[in-house]
C-alpha cells in the first residue's frame, strides 16, 4: 500500500515535469529563430555559415534544438519536484539542508551552462577553426553537427557544477569524508576522463576542455569536505 502511494505520487510529479517540458518545448519552437541565431553567433563571428544536406533536415535540426533547450529549462523544475518528493522522508535537519541546497543546485546548473557557453566554448571554437584554417582547409559546418557539438560540450558543465554541492551535502550528512575523496582521487580522475571522452565531441581539445574543469571541481569538492569537517570539529569542541 505504501509502495503504491509513493508510486502514485512519483507518477503525478513526473506528469507535471513532462507538462513543463512540453510547454517549454512549444515555446522554444515558437522562438526557434531567436534561439537558432543566438546559438550560431559564435560560429557567425568566425565567418562560418551552417549548411544542411537536404530540405527536410532543417526540421530535424529545429526540433532537436528546441528539445534540448527545453530540457535545459526543465532541469531546475525537475530538481524542485525531486526535492518535494523526498522531503517527507527526511529528518528535520536533512529537510533544512535540502531546502537551502535545492535552489542553489538549480543556480549551479545554470551557472555551469553559462560558464561553458560564454567563457569556454567561444575560445574552443576559435582554436579549432584557427587550427583548421592554418592547415589550409575549408570548413563546411553542418547544422546538426554544430548543435550536437554545442549541446555535447555545454550540457555536461551544467551537471558538473553540481559536484561540489553534492559533496557538501554528503559531507554534512557524514556520508563521505575528505580523506575518502583523496583516497579515491585516482579512480575519480579515471572516471572523469572516461566520462569526458564519452560526452564531449570527438576532438582532443574538447576532451581536455571538459575533463580539466571537472577535475578542478573535484578538488573544490575535496576542499569543501575539509571545511565541513573542520567546522563540525569546532562545533563539537564548543559544545563540550
C-alpha atoms as a PDB file:
ATOM      1  CA  UNK A   1       0.000   0.000   0.000  1.00  0.00           C
ATOM      2  CA  UNK A   2       2.804   2.403   0.922  1.00  0.00           C
ATOM      3  CA  UNK A   3       4.617   1.450  -2.274  1.00  0.00           C
ATOM      4  CA  UNK A   4       1.543   2.260  -4.369  1.00  0.00           C
ATOM      5  CA  UNK A   5       1.199   5.619  -2.631  1.00  0.00           C
ATOM      6  CA  UNK A   6       4.812   6.556  -3.412  1.00  0.00           C
ATOM      7  CA  UNK A   7       4.471   5.320  -6.974  1.00  0.00           C
ATOM      8  CA  UNK A   8       1.288   7.346  -7.468  1.00  0.00           C
ATOM      9  CA  UNK A   9       2.941  10.500  -6.145  1.00  0.00           C
ATOM     10  CA  UNK A  10       6.012   9.932  -8.314  1.00  0.00           C
ATOM     11  CA  UNK A  11       3.758   9.500 -11.315  1.00  0.00           C
ATOM     12  CA  UNK A  12       1.912  12.762 -10.596  1.00  0.00           C
ATOM     13  CA  UNK A  13       5.164  14.666 -10.244  1.00  0.00           C
ATOM     14  CA  UNK A  14       6.537  13.039 -13.386  1.00  0.00           C
ATOM     15  CA  UNK A  15       3.463  14.179 -15.302  1.00  0.00           C
ATOM     16  CA  UNK A  16       3.956  17.740 -14.032  1.00  0.00           C
ATOM     17  CA  UNK A  17       7.593  17.678 -15.137  1.00  0.00           C
ATOM     18  CA  UNK A  18       6.526  16.413 -18.563  1.00  0.00           C
ATOM     19  CA  UNK A  19       3.916  19.199 -18.836  1.00  0.00           C
ATOM     20  CA  UNK A  20       6.557  21.816 -18.021  1.00  0.00           C
ATOM     21  CA  UNK A  21       8.860  20.245 -20.610  1.00  0.00           C
ATOM     22  CA  UNK A  22       6.071  20.218 -23.211  1.00  0.00           C
ATOM     23  CA  UNK A  23       5.269  23.889 -22.588  1.00  0.00           C
ATOM     24  CA  UNK A  24       8.962  24.785 -22.763  1.00  0.00           C
ATOM     25  CA  UNK A  25       9.305  22.760 -25.970  1.00  0.00           C
ATOM     26  CA  UNK A  26       6.392  24.573 -27.638  1.00  0.00           C
ATOM     27  CA  UNK A  27       7.750  27.961 -26.555  1.00  0.00           C
ATOM     28  CA  UNK A  28      11.205  27.048 -27.847  1.00  0.00           C
ATOM     29  CA  UNK A  29       9.670  26.093 -31.192  1.00  0.00           C
ATOM     30  CA  UNK A  30       7.809  29.410 -31.249  1.00  0.00           C
ATOM     31  CA  UNK A  31      11.083  31.264 -30.724  1.00  0.00           C
ATOM     32  CA  UNK A  32      13.233  28.844 -32.721  1.00  0.00           C
ATOM     33  CA  UNK A  33      14.638  31.594 -34.924  1.00  0.00           C
ATOM     34  CA  UNK A  34      15.894  33.624 -31.952  1.00  0.00           C
ATOM     35  CA  UNK A  35      17.384  30.529 -30.292  1.00  0.00           C
ATOM     36  CA  UNK A  36      18.982  29.468 -33.579  1.00  0.00           C
ATOM     37  CA  UNK A  37      20.644  32.828 -34.160  1.00  0.00           C
ATOM     38  CA  UNK A  38      21.754  33.112 -30.523  1.00  0.00           C
ATOM     39  CA  UNK A  39      23.450  29.713 -30.611  1.00  0.00           C
ATOM     40  CA  UNK A  40      25.058  30.288 -34.001  1.00  0.00           C
ATOM     41  CA  UNK A  41      26.510  33.668 -33.029  1.00  0.00           C
ATOM     42  CA  UNK A  42      29.957  32.226 -32.100  1.00  0.00           C
ATOM     43  CA  UNK A  43      30.153  30.489 -35.482  1.00  0.00           C
ATOM     44  CA  UNK A  44      28.928  33.565 -37.352  1.00  0.00           C
ATOM     45  CA  UNK A  45      31.551  35.738 -35.639  1.00  0.00           C
ATOM     46  CA  UNK A  46      34.215  33.495 -37.187  1.00  0.00           C
ATOM     47  CA  UNK A  47      32.702  33.719 -40.652  1.00  0.00           C
ATOM     48  CA  UNK A  48      31.204  30.236 -40.543  1.00  0.00           C
ATOM     49  CA  UNK A  49      27.923  29.513 -42.272  1.00  0.00           C
ATOM     50  CA  UNK A  50      25.907  26.458 -41.318  1.00  0.00           C
ATOM     51  CA  UNK A  51      24.586  24.165 -44.032  1.00  0.00           C
ATOM     52  CA  UNK A  52      22.029  21.361 -44.272  1.00  0.00           C
ATOM     53  CA  UNK A  53      22.268  18.368 -46.590  1.00  0.00           C
ATOM     54  CA  UNK A  54      18.603  18.303 -47.560  1.00  0.00           C
ATOM     55  CA  UNK A  55      15.451  20.446 -47.477  1.00  0.00           C
ATOM     56  CA  UNK A  56      13.908  18.403 -44.667  1.00  0.00           C
ATOM     57  CA  UNK A  57      16.940  18.420 -42.400  1.00  0.00           C
ATOM     58  CA  UNK A  58      16.175  21.883 -41.016  1.00  0.00           C
ATOM     59  CA  UNK A  59      13.003  20.490 -39.415  1.00  0.00           C
ATOM     60  CA  UNK A  60      15.033  17.855 -37.571  1.00  0.00           C
ATOM     61  CA  UNK A  61      17.565  20.480 -36.529  1.00  0.00           C
ATOM     62  CA  UNK A  62      14.952  22.875 -35.145  1.00  0.00           C
ATOM     63  CA  UNK A  63      13.059  20.138 -33.293  1.00  0.00           C
ATOM     64  CA  UNK A  64      16.287  18.783 -31.795  1.00  0.00           C
ATOM     65  CA  UNK A  65      17.374  22.271 -30.808  1.00  0.00           C
ATOM     66  CA  UNK A  66      14.000  23.028 -29.200  1.00  0.00           C
ATOM     67  CA  UNK A  67      14.048  19.703 -27.365  1.00  0.00           C
ATOM     68  CA  UNK A  68      17.472  20.167 -25.812  1.00  0.00           C
ATOM     69  CA  UNK A  69      16.747  23.785 -24.916  1.00  0.00           C
ATOM     70  CA  UNK A  70      13.516  22.669 -23.250  1.00  0.00           C
ATOM     71  CA  UNK A  71      15.444  20.038 -21.290  1.00  0.00           C
ATOM     72  CA  UNK A  72      17.840  22.703 -20.032  1.00  0.00           C
ATOM     73  CA  UNK A  73      14.892  24.855 -18.955  1.00  0.00           C
ATOM     74  CA  UNK A  74      13.106  21.919 -17.300  1.00  0.00           C
ATOM     75  CA  UNK A  75      16.028  20.599 -15.226  1.00  0.00           C
ATOM     76  CA  UNK A  76      15.672  23.218 -12.425  1.00  0.00           C
ATOM     77  CA  UNK A  77      11.969  22.376 -12.106  1.00  0.00           C
ATOM     78  CA  UNK A  78      12.816  18.667 -12.101  1.00  0.00           C
ATOM     79  CA  UNK A  79      15.137  19.305  -9.140  1.00  0.00           C
ATOM     80  CA  UNK A  80      12.305  21.072  -7.335  1.00  0.00           C
ATOM     81  CA  UNK A  81       9.914  18.155  -7.878  1.00  0.00           C
ATOM     82  CA  UNK A  82      12.544  15.670  -6.688  1.00  0.00           C
ATOM     83  CA  UNK A  83      13.019  17.743  -3.543  1.00  0.00           C
ATOM     84  CA  UNK A  84       9.267  17.822  -2.919  1.00  0.00           C
ATOM     85  CA  UNK A  85       9.131  14.043  -3.371  1.00  0.00           C
ATOM     86  CA  UNK A  86      11.939  13.137  -0.949  1.00  0.00           C
ATOM     87  CA  UNK A  87      11.267  15.830   1.686  1.00  0.00           C
ATOM     88  CA  UNK A  88       8.599  13.889   3.671  1.00  0.00           C
ATOM     89  CA  UNK A  89      11.074  11.058   4.276  1.00  0.00           C
ATOM     90  CA  UNK A  90      13.827  13.297   5.634  1.00  0.00           C
ATOM     91  CA  UNK A  91      14.629  14.255   9.201  1.00  0.00           C
ATOM     92  CA  UNK A  92      14.199  17.899  10.190  1.00  0.00           C
ATOM     93  CA  UNK A  93      17.937  18.583   9.878  1.00  0.00           C
ATOM     94  CA  UNK A  94      18.109  16.912   6.469  1.00  0.00           C
ATOM     95  CA  UNK A  95      14.984  18.768   5.328  1.00  0.00           C
ATOM     96  CA  UNK A  96      16.512  22.092   6.306  1.00  0.00           C
ATOM     97  CA  UNK A  97      19.691  21.219   4.423  1.00  0.00           C
ATOM     98  CA  UNK A  98      17.736  20.208   1.324  1.00  0.00           C
ATOM     99  CA  UNK A  99      15.645  23.387   1.444  1.00  0.00           C
ATOM    100  CA  UNK A 100      18.779  25.514   1.185  1.00  0.00           C
ATOM    101  CA  UNK A 101      20.607  23.404  -1.394  1.00  0.00           C
ATOM    102  CA  UNK A 102      17.898  22.693  -3.983  1.00  0.00           C
ATOM    103  CA  UNK A 103      17.611  26.328  -5.180  1.00  0.00           C
ATOM    104  CA  UNK A 104      21.400  26.510  -5.204  1.00  0.00           C
ATOM    105  CA  UNK A 105      21.526  23.330  -7.300  1.00  0.00           C
ATOM    106  CA  UNK A 106      19.346  24.946  -9.955  1.00  0.00           C
ATOM    107  CA  UNK A 107      21.518  28.067  -9.958  1.00  0.00           C
ATOM    108  CA  UNK A 108      24.700  26.000 -10.218  1.00  0.00           C
ATOM    109  CA  UNK A 109      23.291  24.095 -13.186  1.00  0.00           C
ATOM    110  CA  UNK A 110      22.564  27.366 -14.974  1.00  0.00           C
ATOM    111  CA  UNK A 111      25.976  28.716 -13.919  1.00  0.00           C
ATOM    112  CA  UNK A 112      27.652  25.685 -15.479  1.00  0.00           C
ATOM    113  CA  UNK A 113      25.817  26.257 -18.749  1.00  0.00           C
ATOM    114  CA  UNK A 114      26.734  29.953 -18.772  1.00  0.00           C
ATOM    115  CA  UNK A 115      30.362  29.235 -17.861  1.00  0.00           C
ATOM    116  CA  UNK A 116      30.799  26.790 -20.718  1.00  0.00           C
ATOM    117  CA  UNK A 117      28.871  28.867 -23.249  1.00  0.00           C
ATOM    118  CA  UNK A 118      30.310  32.320 -22.578  1.00  0.00           C
ATOM    119  CA  UNK A 119      33.850  31.527 -21.413  1.00  0.00           C
ATOM    120  CA  UNK A 120      34.958  28.153 -22.764  1.00  0.00           C
ATOM    121  CA  UNK A 121      33.029  27.374 -25.944  1.00  0.00           C
ATOM    122  CA  UNK A 122      33.912  30.542 -27.959  1.00  0.00           C
ATOM    123  CA  UNK A 123      37.619  30.037 -27.243  1.00  0.00           C
ATOM    124  CA  UNK A 124      37.421  26.357 -28.071  1.00  0.00           C
ATOM    125  CA  UNK A 125      35.646  27.066 -31.359  1.00  0.00           C
ATOM    126  CA  UNK A 126      38.163  29.795 -32.229  1.00  0.00           C
ATOM    127  CA  UNK A 127      41.047  27.411 -31.543  1.00  0.00           C
ATOM    128  CA  UNK A 128      39.578  24.639 -33.696  1.00  0.00           C
ATOM    129  CA  UNK A 129      38.702  26.969 -36.576  1.00  0.00           C
ATOM    130  CA  UNK A 130      42.136  28.629 -36.475  1.00  0.00           C
ATOM    131  CA  UNK A 131      43.837  25.232 -36.450  1.00  0.00           C
ATOM    132  CA  UNK A 132      41.766  24.082 -39.420  1.00  0.00           C
ATOM    133  CA  UNK A 133      42.417  27.211 -41.470  1.00  0.00           C
ATOM    134  CA  UNK A 134      46.115  27.133 -40.646  1.00  0.00           C
ATOM    135  CA  UNK A 135      46.305  23.814 -42.451  1.00  0.00           C
ATOM    136  CA  UNK A 136      44.659  25.386 -45.485  1.00  0.00           C
ATOM    137  CA  UNK A 137      41.396  23.522 -45.059  1.00  0.00           C
ATOM    138  CA  UNK A 138      37.921  24.906 -45.590  1.00  0.00           C
ATOM    139  CA  UNK A 139      35.071  24.280 -43.182  1.00  0.00           C
ATOM    140  CA  UNK A 140      31.634  23.105 -44.263  1.00  0.00           C
ATOM    141  CA  UNK A 141      29.771  23.088 -40.970  1.00  0.00           C
ATOM    142  CA  UNK A 142      26.610  21.012 -40.962  1.00  0.00           C
ATOM    143  CA  UNK A 143      23.896  22.472 -38.716  1.00  0.00           C
ATOM    144  CA  UNK A 144      23.165  19.165 -36.985  1.00  0.00           C
ATOM    145  CA  UNK A 145      26.877  18.607 -36.293  1.00  0.00           C
ATOM    146  CA  UNK A 146      27.313  22.108 -34.895  1.00  0.00           C
ATOM    147  CA  UNK A 147      24.378  21.926 -32.493  1.00  0.00           C
ATOM    148  CA  UNK A 148      25.376  18.434 -31.367  1.00  0.00           C
ATOM    149  CA  UNK A 149      28.803  19.906 -30.650  1.00  0.00           C
ATOM    150  CA  UNK A 150      27.291  22.768 -28.633  1.00  0.00           C
ATOM    151  CA  UNK A 151      24.975  20.518 -26.613  1.00  0.00           C
ATOM    152  CA  UNK A 152      27.562  17.792 -26.067  1.00  0.00           C
ATOM    153  CA  UNK A 153      30.039  20.349 -24.794  1.00  0.00           C
ATOM    154  CA  UNK A 154      27.912  22.724 -22.704  1.00  0.00           C
ATOM    155  CA  UNK A 155      25.336  20.450 -21.065  1.00  0.00           C
ATOM    156  CA  UNK A 156      27.888  18.362 -19.097  1.00  0.00           C
ATOM    157  CA  UNK A 157      29.156  21.547 -17.465  1.00  0.00           C
ATOM    158  CA  UNK A 158      25.717  22.170 -16.013  1.00  0.00           C
ATOM    159  CA  UNK A 159      25.789  18.801 -14.250  1.00  0.00           C
ATOM    160  CA  UNK A 160      29.495  19.042 -13.380  1.00  0.00           C
ATOM    161  CA  UNK A 161      28.874  22.277 -11.471  1.00  0.00           C
ATOM    162  CA  UNK A 162      26.570  20.288  -9.190  1.00  0.00           C
ATOM    163  CA  UNK A 163      29.540  18.224  -7.983  1.00  0.00           C
ATOM    164  CA  UNK A 164      30.807  20.496  -5.179  1.00  0.00           C
ATOM    165  CA  UNK A 165      27.256  20.942  -3.873  1.00  0.00           C
ATOM    166  CA  UNK A 166      26.698  17.173  -3.826  1.00  0.00           C
ATOM    167  CA  UNK A 167      29.959  16.763  -1.907  1.00  0.00           C
ATOM    168  CA  UNK A 168      28.873  19.465   0.543  1.00  0.00           C
ATOM    169  CA  UNK A 169      25.556  17.737   1.241  1.00  0.00           C
ATOM    170  CA  UNK A 170      27.107  14.283   1.631  1.00  0.00           C
ATOM    171  CA  UNK A 171      29.860  15.660   3.865  1.00  0.00           C
ATOM    172  CA  UNK A 172      27.296  17.459   6.038  1.00  0.00           C
ATOM    173  CA  UNK A 173      25.378  14.207   6.409  1.00  0.00           C
ATOM    174  CA  UNK A 174      28.565  12.315   7.243  1.00  0.00           C
ATOM    175  CA  UNK A 175      28.289  10.026   4.226  1.00  0.00           C
ATOM    176  CA  UNK A 176      31.718  10.907   2.814  1.00  0.00           C
ATOM    177  CA  UNK A 177      34.919  12.448   4.180  1.00  0.00           C
ATOM    178  CA  UNK A 178      37.749  14.432   2.656  1.00  0.00           C
ATOM    179  CA  UNK A 179      40.140  11.546   3.355  1.00  0.00           C
ATOM    180  CA  UNK A 180      37.913   9.200   1.383  1.00  0.00           C
ATOM    181  CA  UNK A 181      37.786  11.661  -1.519  1.00  0.00           C
ATOM    182  CA  UNK A 182      41.579  11.850  -1.525  1.00  0.00           C
ATOM    183  CA  UNK A 183      41.851   8.070  -1.352  1.00  0.00           C
ATOM    184  CA  UNK A 184      39.643   7.536  -4.409  1.00  0.00           C
ATOM    185  CA  UNK A 185      41.026  10.537  -6.318  1.00  0.00           C
ATOM    186  CA  UNK A 186      42.835   8.469  -8.966  1.00  0.00           C
ATOM    187  CA  UNK A 187      39.714   6.405  -9.623  1.00  0.00           C
ATOM    188  CA  UNK A 188      37.614   9.575  -9.772  1.00  0.00           C
ATOM    189  CA  UNK A 189      40.027  11.112 -12.278  1.00  0.00           C
ATOM    190  CA  UNK A 190      39.864   7.975 -14.405  1.00  0.00           C
ATOM    191  CA  UNK A 191      36.059   8.098 -14.321  1.00  0.00           C
ATOM    192  CA  UNK A 192      36.143  11.801 -15.240  1.00  0.00           C
ATOM    193  CA  UNK A 193      38.411  11.120 -18.216  1.00  0.00           C
ATOM    194  CA  UNK A 194      36.201   8.282 -19.456  1.00  0.00           C
ATOM    195  CA  UNK A 195      33.053  10.350 -18.945  1.00  0.00           C
ATOM    196  CA  UNK A 196      34.636  13.374 -20.625  1.00  0.00           C
ATOM    197  CA  UNK A 197      35.563  11.302 -23.667  1.00  0.00           C
ATOM    198  CA  UNK A 198      32.069   9.823 -23.897  1.00  0.00           C
ATOM    199  CA  UNK A 199      30.052  13.022 -23.535  1.00  0.00           C
ATOM    200  CA  UNK A 200      32.234  15.559 -25.341  1.00  0.00           C
ATOM    201  CA  UNK A 201      32.704  15.969 -29.107  1.00  0.00           C
ATOM    202  CA  UNK A 202      35.387  13.671 -30.581  1.00  0.00           C
ATOM    203  CA  UNK A 203      38.358  16.057 -30.512  1.00  0.00           C
ATOM    204  CA  UNK A 204      41.243  16.002 -28.044  1.00  0.00           C
ATOM    205  CA  UNK A 205      40.886  19.689 -27.175  1.00  0.00           C
ATOM    206  CA  UNK A 206      37.178  19.103 -26.466  1.00  0.00           C
ATOM    207  CA  UNK A 207      38.007  16.213 -24.143  1.00  0.00           C
ATOM    208  CA  UNK A 208      40.536  18.361 -22.268  1.00  0.00           C
ATOM    209  CA  UNK A 209      38.128  21.301 -22.082  1.00  0.00           C
ATOM    210  CA  UNK A 210      35.600  19.056 -20.326  1.00  0.00           C
ATOM    211  CA  UNK A 211      37.827  16.872 -18.139  1.00  0.00           C
ATOM    212  CA  UNK A 212      40.161  19.554 -16.743  1.00  0.00           C
ATOM    213  CA  UNK A 213      37.342  21.743 -15.303  1.00  0.00           C
ATOM    214  CA  UNK A 214      35.708  18.602 -13.873  1.00  0.00           C
ATOM    215  CA  UNK A 215      38.960  17.689 -12.121  1.00  0.00           C
ATOM    216  CA  UNK A 216      39.174  21.224 -10.730  1.00  0.00           C
ATOM    217  CA  UNK A 217      35.586  20.914  -9.487  1.00  0.00           C
ATOM    218  CA  UNK A 218      36.516  17.607  -7.838  1.00  0.00           C
ATOM    219  CA  UNK A 219      39.352  19.298  -5.955  1.00  0.00           C
ATOM    220  CA  UNK A 220      36.964  22.069  -4.930  1.00  0.00           C
ATOM    221  CA  UNK A 221      34.734  19.328  -3.539  1.00  0.00           C
ATOM    222  CA  UNK A 222      37.659  17.944  -1.520  1.00  0.00           C
ATOM    223  CA  UNK A 223      38.266  21.409  -0.096  1.00  0.00           C
ATOM    224  CA  UNK A 224      34.587  21.832   0.758  1.00  0.00           C
ATOM    225  CA  UNK A 225      34.527  18.477   2.564  1.00  0.00           C
ATOM    226  CA  UNK A 226      37.599  19.524   4.562  1.00  0.00           C
ATOM    227  CA  UNK A 227      35.945  22.791   5.602  1.00  0.00           C
ATOM    228  CA  UNK A 228      32.755  20.971   6.643  1.00  0.00           C
ATOM    229  CA  UNK A 229      34.749  18.530   8.790  1.00  0.00           C
ATOM    230  CA  UNK A 230      36.731  21.283  10.489  1.00  0.00           C
ATOM    231  CA  UNK A 231      33.538  23.192  11.239  1.00  0.00           C
ATOM    232  CA  UNK A 232      31.975  20.049  12.700  1.00  0.00           C
ATOM    233  CA  UNK A 233      35.007  19.522  14.952  1.00  0.00           C
ATOM    234  CA  UNK A 234      34.868  23.141  16.159  1.00  0.00           C
ATOM    235  CA  UNK A 235      31.162  22.828  16.940  1.00  0.00           C
ATOM    236  CA  UNK A 236      31.756  19.612  18.863  1.00  0.00           C
ATOM    237  CA  UNK A 237      34.581  21.189  20.854  1.00  0.00           C
ATOM    238  CA  UNK A 238      32.455  24.252  21.610  1.00  0.00           C
ATOM    239  CA  UNK A 239      29.600  22.099  22.889  1.00  0.00           C
ATOM    240  CA  UNK A 240      31.832  20.184  25.321  1.00  0.00           C
END
